[in-house]
Amino acid sequence: MYGVSIARRLRLSIQYCMVWPMTERLTAQDWLDFALQTLAHEGFEALKADVLARKLGITRGSFYWHFNDLEAFHTRVIERWKQAATEAIIVDIERFESPEKRMDALLRHAFGHGASLEIHMRTWAASNTDAARAVSDSRFVPNHARTARRSERRRFGSSGIC
């Protein structure tokens, strides 16, 4: 009975408060998504294992479980940024049928919440060669307005809307 009574008390105290929340582990994707949010709000200086782990309320061990080092993490963040920036625009714009509504969506991306992420990414590119390469990559045009406008021209031709 000694072990059972202690286990019951622990279930409601230590185990509940400390162990139970850790059963839901962060994935590499969780880290990358949080990194993009942090980049958009605080800039690239905050993209460090200890800073992000503290904000998430976890240890750095989770970070190093998914990424070999900070450089590997930064590489994945940059790739995720490229993917998210283009996919988000395309998905959002394609929801609308009319060229006018598509243009409104395009302008929201160009001057709305996504602008902060792009500004911070471009700032990071000034001091990080991988980020600079991603920003200037000819296969990826990071300027949201230019990317979507080109897509709209192909779709609607010379209708005069775009």
C-alpha atoms as a PDB file:
ATOM      1  CA  MET A   1       0.000   0.000   0.000  1.00  0.00           C
ATOM      2  CA  TYR A   2       2.911   2.349   0.571  1.00  0.00           C
ATOM      3  CA  GLY A   3       3.776   2.637  -3.122  1.00  0.00           C
ATOM      4  CA  VAL A   4       0.167   2.942  -4.237  1.00  0.00           C
ATOM      5  CA  SER A   5      -0.721   5.816  -1.932  1.00  0.00           C
ATOM      6  CA  ILE A   6       2.376   7.798  -2.965  1.00  0.00           C
ATOM      7  CA  ALA A   7       1.716   7.164  -6.633  1.00  0.00           C
ATOM      8  CA  ARG A   8      -1.816   8.494  -6.291  1.00  0.00           C
ATOM      9  CA  ARG A   9      -0.584  11.676  -4.637  1.00  0.00           C
ATOM     10  CA  LEU A  10       2.155  12.111  -7.257  1.00  0.00           C
ATOM     11  CA  ARG A  11      -0.316  11.720 -10.084  1.00  0.00           C
ATOM     12  CA  LEU A  12      -2.065  14.857  -8.911  1.00  0.00           C
ATOM     13  CA  SER A  13       1.039  16.828  -8.047  1.00  0.00           C
ATOM     14  CA  ILE A  14       4.448  16.277  -9.628  1.00  0.00           C
ATOM     15  CA  GLN A  15       3.365  13.945 -12.394  1.00  0.00           C
ATOM     16  CA  TYR A  16       0.428  16.111 -13.359  1.00  0.00           C
ATOM     17  CA  CYS A  17       2.299  19.403 -13.269  1.00  0.00           C
ATOM     18  CA  MET A  18       5.631  18.342 -14.723  1.00  0.00           C
ATOM     19  CA  VAL A  19       5.502  15.030 -16.527  1.00  0.00           C
ATOM     20  CA  TRP A  20       2.103  15.088 -18.190  1.00  0.00           C
ATOM     21  CA  PRO A  21       2.644  18.249 -20.280  1.00  0.00           C
ATOM     22  CA  MET A  22       5.917  16.837 -21.607  1.00  0.00           C
ATOM     23  CA  THR A  23       4.123  13.838 -23.125  1.00  0.00           C
ATOM     24  CA  GLU A  24       3.132  16.064 -26.047  1.00  0.00           C
ATOM     25  CA  ARG A  25       6.463  16.583 -27.743  1.00  0.00           C
ATOM     26  CA  LEU A  26       7.304  19.267 -30.209  1.00  0.00           C
ATOM     27  CA  THR A  27       8.025  18.173 -33.747  1.00  0.00           C
ATOM     28  CA  ALA A  28      10.624  19.735 -35.997  1.00  0.00           C
ATOM     29  CA  GLN A  29       7.725  21.408 -37.820  1.00  0.00           C
ATOM     30  CA  ASP A  30       6.517  22.940 -34.535  1.00  0.00           C
ATOM     31  CA  TRP A  31       9.969  24.441 -33.997  1.00  0.00           C
ATOM     32  CA  LEU A  32      10.067  25.798 -37.552  1.00  0.00           C
ATOM     33  CA  ASP A  33       6.601  27.323 -37.367  1.00  0.00           C
ATOM     34  CA  PHE A  34       7.420  28.938 -34.021  1.00  0.00           C
ATOM     35  CA  ALA A  35      10.674  30.225 -35.484  1.00  0.00           C
ATOM     36  CA  LEU A  36       8.802  31.954 -38.325  1.00  0.00           C
ATOM     37  CA  GLN A  37       6.432  33.575 -35.834  1.00  0.00           C
ATOM     38  CA  THR A  38       9.378  34.696 -33.737  1.00  0.00           C
ATOM     39  CA  LEU A  39      11.233  35.971 -36.802  1.00  0.00           C
ATOM     40  CA  ALA A  40       8.195  38.023 -37.847  1.00  0.00           C
ATOM     41  CA  HIS A  41       7.779  39.606 -34.415  1.00  0.00           C
ATOM     42  CA  GLU A  42      11.307  39.869 -33.037  1.00  0.00           C
ATOM     43  CA  GLY A  43      13.787  39.392 -35.852  1.00  0.00           C
ATOM     44  CA  PHE A  44      16.535  36.889 -36.519  1.00  0.00           C
ATOM     45  CA  GLU A  45      18.412  37.657 -33.297  1.00  0.00           C
ATOM     46  CA  ALA A  46      15.766  35.660 -31.410  1.00  0.00           C
ATOM     47  CA  LEU A  47      16.323  32.504 -33.495  1.00  0.00           C
ATOM     48  CA  LYS A  48      18.515  30.789 -30.917  1.00  0.00           C
ATOM     49  CA  ALA A  49      17.869  27.465 -29.215  1.00  0.00           C
ATOM     50  CA  ASP A  50      17.877  28.816 -25.672  1.00  0.00           C
ATOM     51  CA  VAL A  51      15.702  31.841 -26.497  1.00  0.00           C
ATOM     52  CA  LEU A  52      13.092  29.792 -28.364  1.00  0.00           C
ATOM     53  CA  ALA A  53      13.078  27.004 -25.752  1.00  0.00           C
ATOM     54  CA  ARG A  54      12.530  29.531 -22.971  1.00  0.00           C
ATOM     55  CA  LYS A  55       9.624  31.101 -24.854  1.00  0.00           C
ATOM     56  CA  LEU A  56       8.116  27.648 -25.387  1.00  0.00           C
ATOM     57  CA  GLY A  57       8.686  26.712 -21.746  1.00  0.00           C
ATOM     58  CA  ILE A  58      10.794  23.653 -22.537  1.00  0.00           C
ATOM     59  CA  THR A  59      14.432  22.597 -22.462  1.00  0.00           C
ATOM     60  CA  ARG A  60      16.884  22.933 -25.337  1.00  0.00           C
ATOM     61  CA  GLY A  61      17.057  19.137 -25.503  1.00  0.00           C
ATOM     62  CA  SER A  62      13.986  19.102 -27.722  1.00  0.00           C
ATOM     63  CA  PHE A  63      15.673  21.517 -30.096  1.00  0.00           C
ATOM     64  CA  TYR A  64      18.794  19.382 -30.392  1.00  0.00           C
ATOM     65  CA  TRP A  65      16.700  16.251 -30.802  1.00  0.00           C
ATOM     66  CA  HIS A  66      15.411  17.656 -34.102  1.00  0.00           C
ATOM     67  CA  PHE A  67      18.365  19.772 -35.290  1.00  0.00           C
ATOM     68  CA  ASN A  68      22.086  18.996 -35.155  1.00  0.00           C
ATOM     69  CA  ASP A  69      23.046  22.596 -34.513  1.00  0.00           C
ATOM     70  CA  LEU A  70      21.870  26.166 -34.899  1.00  0.00           C
ATOM     71  CA  GLU A  71      23.133  26.389 -38.470  1.00  0.00           C
ATOM     72  CA  ALA A  72      21.072  23.354 -39.521  1.00  0.00           C
ATOM     73  CA  PHE A  73      18.045  24.897 -37.814  1.00  0.00           C
ATOM     74  CA  HIS A  74      18.545  28.217 -39.589  1.00  0.00           C
ATOM     75  CA  THR A  75      18.807  26.402 -42.922  1.00  0.00           C
ATOM     76  CA  ARG A  76      15.480  24.684 -42.274  1.00  0.00           C
ATOM     77  CA  VAL A  77      13.859  27.955 -41.145  1.00  0.00           C
ATOM     78  CA  ILE A  78      14.925  29.605 -44.394  1.00  0.00           C
ATOM     79  CA  GLU A  79      13.526  26.707 -46.440  1.00  0.00           C
ATOM     80  CA  ARG A  80      10.274  26.843 -44.463  1.00  0.00           C
ATOM     81  CA  TRP A  81      10.077  30.600 -45.083  1.00  0.00           C
ATOM     82  CA  LYS A  82      10.419  30.112 -48.833  1.00  0.00           C
ATOM     83  CA  GLN A  83       7.738  27.435 -48.800  1.00  0.00           C
ATOM     84  CA  ALA A  84       5.334  29.325 -46.547  1.00  0.00           C
ATOM     85  CA  ALA A  85       5.698  32.628 -48.347  1.00  0.00           C
ATOM     86  CA  THR A  86       4.833  31.256 -51.767  1.00  0.00           C
ATOM     87  CA  GLU A  87       2.230  28.691 -50.742  1.00  0.00           C
ATOM     88  CA  ALA A  88       0.318  31.096 -48.517  1.00  0.00           C
ATOM     89  CA  ILE A  89      -0.064  33.618 -51.303  1.00  0.00           C
ATOM     90  CA  ILE A  90      -1.080  31.081 -53.925  1.00  0.00           C
ATOM     91  CA  VAL A  91      -3.615  29.335 -51.694  1.00  0.00           C
ATOM     92  CA  ASP A  92      -5.166  32.591 -50.542  1.00  0.00           C
ATOM     93  CA  ILE A  93      -5.425  34.144 -53.989  1.00  0.00           C
ATOM     94  CA  GLU A  94      -6.836  31.026 -55.610  1.00  0.00           C
ATOM     95  CA  ARG A  95      -9.775  31.068 -53.188  1.00  0.00           C
ATOM     96  CA  PHE A  96     -11.307  33.966 -55.099  1.00  0.00           C
ATOM     97  CA  GLU A  97     -12.960  33.831 -58.499  1.00  0.00           C
ATOM     98  CA  SER A  98     -13.006  37.477 -59.459  1.00  0.00           C
ATOM     99  CA  PRO A  99      -9.829  39.315 -60.465  1.00  0.00           C
ATOM    100  CA  GLU A 100     -10.771  42.209 -58.185  1.00  0.00           C
ATOM    101  CA  LYS A 101     -10.968  40.011 -55.093  1.00  0.00           C
ATOM    102  CA  ARG A 102      -7.734  38.300 -56.057  1.00  0.00           C
ATOM    103  CA  MET A 103      -6.041  41.663 -56.318  1.00  0.00           C
ATOM    104  CA  ASP A 104      -7.393  42.643 -52.889  1.00  0.00           C
ATOM    105  CA  ALA A 105      -5.954  39.420 -51.437  1.00  0.00           C
ATOM    106  CA  LEU A 106      -2.658  40.097 -53.172  1.00  0.00           C
ATOM    107  CA  LEU A 107      -2.469  43.588 -51.702  1.00  0.00           C
ATOM    108  CA  ARG A 108      -3.269  42.262 -48.228  1.00  0.00           C
ATOM    109  CA  HIS A 109      -0.277  39.937 -48.544  1.00  0.00           C
ATOM    110  CA  ALA A 110       1.982  42.635 -49.914  1.00  0.00           C
ATOM    111  CA  PHE A 111       1.176  45.204 -47.237  1.00  0.00           C
ATOM    112  CA  GLY A 112      -0.346  43.169 -44.416  1.00  0.00           C
ATOM    113  CA  HIS A 113       0.880  40.760 -41.770  1.00  0.00           C
ATOM    114  CA  GLY A 114       3.271  38.949 -44.111  1.00  0.00           C
ATOM    115  CA  ALA A 115       5.240  42.123 -44.678  1.00  0.00           C
ATOM    116  CA  SER A 116       6.760  41.955 -41.195  1.00  0.00           C
ATOM    117  CA  LEU A 117       8.129  38.476 -41.813  1.00  0.00           C
ATOM    118  CA  GLU A 118       9.599  39.489 -45.147  1.00  0.00           C
ATOM    119  CA  ILE A 119      11.184  42.643 -43.723  1.00  0.00           C
ATOM    120  CA  HIS A 120      12.832  40.645 -40.938  1.00  0.00           C
ATOM    121  CA  MET A 121      13.945  37.993 -43.416  1.00  0.00           C
ATOM    122  CA  ARG A 122      15.582  40.637 -45.596  1.00  0.00           C
ATOM    123  CA  THR A 123      17.268  42.120 -42.535  1.00  0.00           C
ATOM    124  CA  TRP A 124      18.605  38.676 -41.658  1.00  0.00           C
ATOM    125  CA  ALA A 125      19.865  38.327 -45.241  1.00  0.00           C
ATOM    126  CA  ALA A 126      22.196  41.273 -44.663  1.00  0.00           C
ATOM    127  CA  SER A 127      24.224  39.186 -42.193  1.00  0.00           C
ATOM    128  CA  ASN A 128      23.534  35.561 -43.199  1.00  0.00           C
ATOM    129  CA  THR A 129      24.676  34.171 -46.552  1.00  0.00           C
ATOM    130  CA  ASP A 130      22.031  31.418 -46.650  1.00  0.00           C
ATOM    131  CA  ALA A 131      19.260  33.920 -45.998  1.00  0.00           C
ATOM    132  CA  ALA A 132      20.747  36.264 -48.601  1.00  0.00           C
ATOM    133  CA  ARG A 133      20.840  33.445 -51.132  1.00  0.00           C
ATOM    134  CA  ALA A 134      17.194  32.595 -50.411  1.00  0.00           C
ATOM    135  CA  VAL A 135      16.093  36.204 -50.758  1.00  0.00           C
ATOM    136  CA  SER A 136      17.962  36.706 -54.016  1.00  0.00           C
ATOM    137  CA  ASP A 137      17.302  33.248 -55.472  1.00  0.00           C
ATOM    138  CA  SER A 138      16.122  33.775 -59.040  1.00  0.00           C
ATOM    139  CA  ARG A 139      13.789  30.783 -58.778  1.00  0.00           C
ATOM    140  CA  PHE A 140      12.027  32.341 -55.796  1.00  0.00           C
ATOM    141  CA  VAL A 141      10.864  35.940 -55.916  1.00  0.00           C
ATOM    142  CA  PRO A 142      10.282  36.939 -52.287  1.00  0.00           C
ATOM    143  CA  ASN A 143       8.451  40.135 -53.164  1.00  0.00           C
ATOM    144  CA  HIS A 144       4.867  39.003 -52.558  1.00  0.00           C
ATOM    145  CA  ALA A 145       3.302  41.556 -54.840  1.00  0.00           C
ATOM    146  CA  ARG A 146       5.570  40.762 -57.790  1.00  0.00           C
ATOM    147  CA  THR A 147       5.065  37.004 -57.403  1.00  0.00           C
ATOM    148  CA  ALA A 148       1.306  37.137 -57.250  1.00  0.00           C
ATOM    149  CA  ARG A 149       1.007  39.862 -59.883  1.00  0.00           C
ATOM    150  CA  ARG A 150       2.968  37.707 -62.332  1.00  0.00           C
ATOM    151  CA  SER A 151       0.673  34.775 -61.523  1.00  0.00           C
ATOM    152  CA  GLU A 152      -2.402  36.928 -62.078  1.00  0.00           C
ATOM    153  CA  ARG A 153      -1.118  38.183 -65.437  1.00  0.00           C
ATOM    154  CA  ARG A 154      -0.679  34.610 -66.644  1.00  0.00           C
ATOM    155  CA  ARG A 155      -4.140  33.682 -65.453  1.00  0.00           C
ATOM    156  CA  PHE A 156      -6.073  36.701 -66.709  1.00  0.00           C
ATOM    157  CA  GLY A 157      -3.935  37.823 -69.603  1.00  0.00           C
ATOM    158  CA  SER A 158      -4.408  41.343 -70.837  1.00  0.00           C
ATOM    159  CA  SER A 159      -7.810  41.955 -69.280  1.00  0.00           C
ATOM    160  CA  GLY A 160      -6.499  45.187 -67.781  1.00  0.00           C
ATOM    161  CA  ILE A 161      -7.266  44.076 -64.224  1.00  0.00           C
ATOM    162  CA  CYS A 162      -3.653  43.280 -63.283  1.00  0.00           C
END
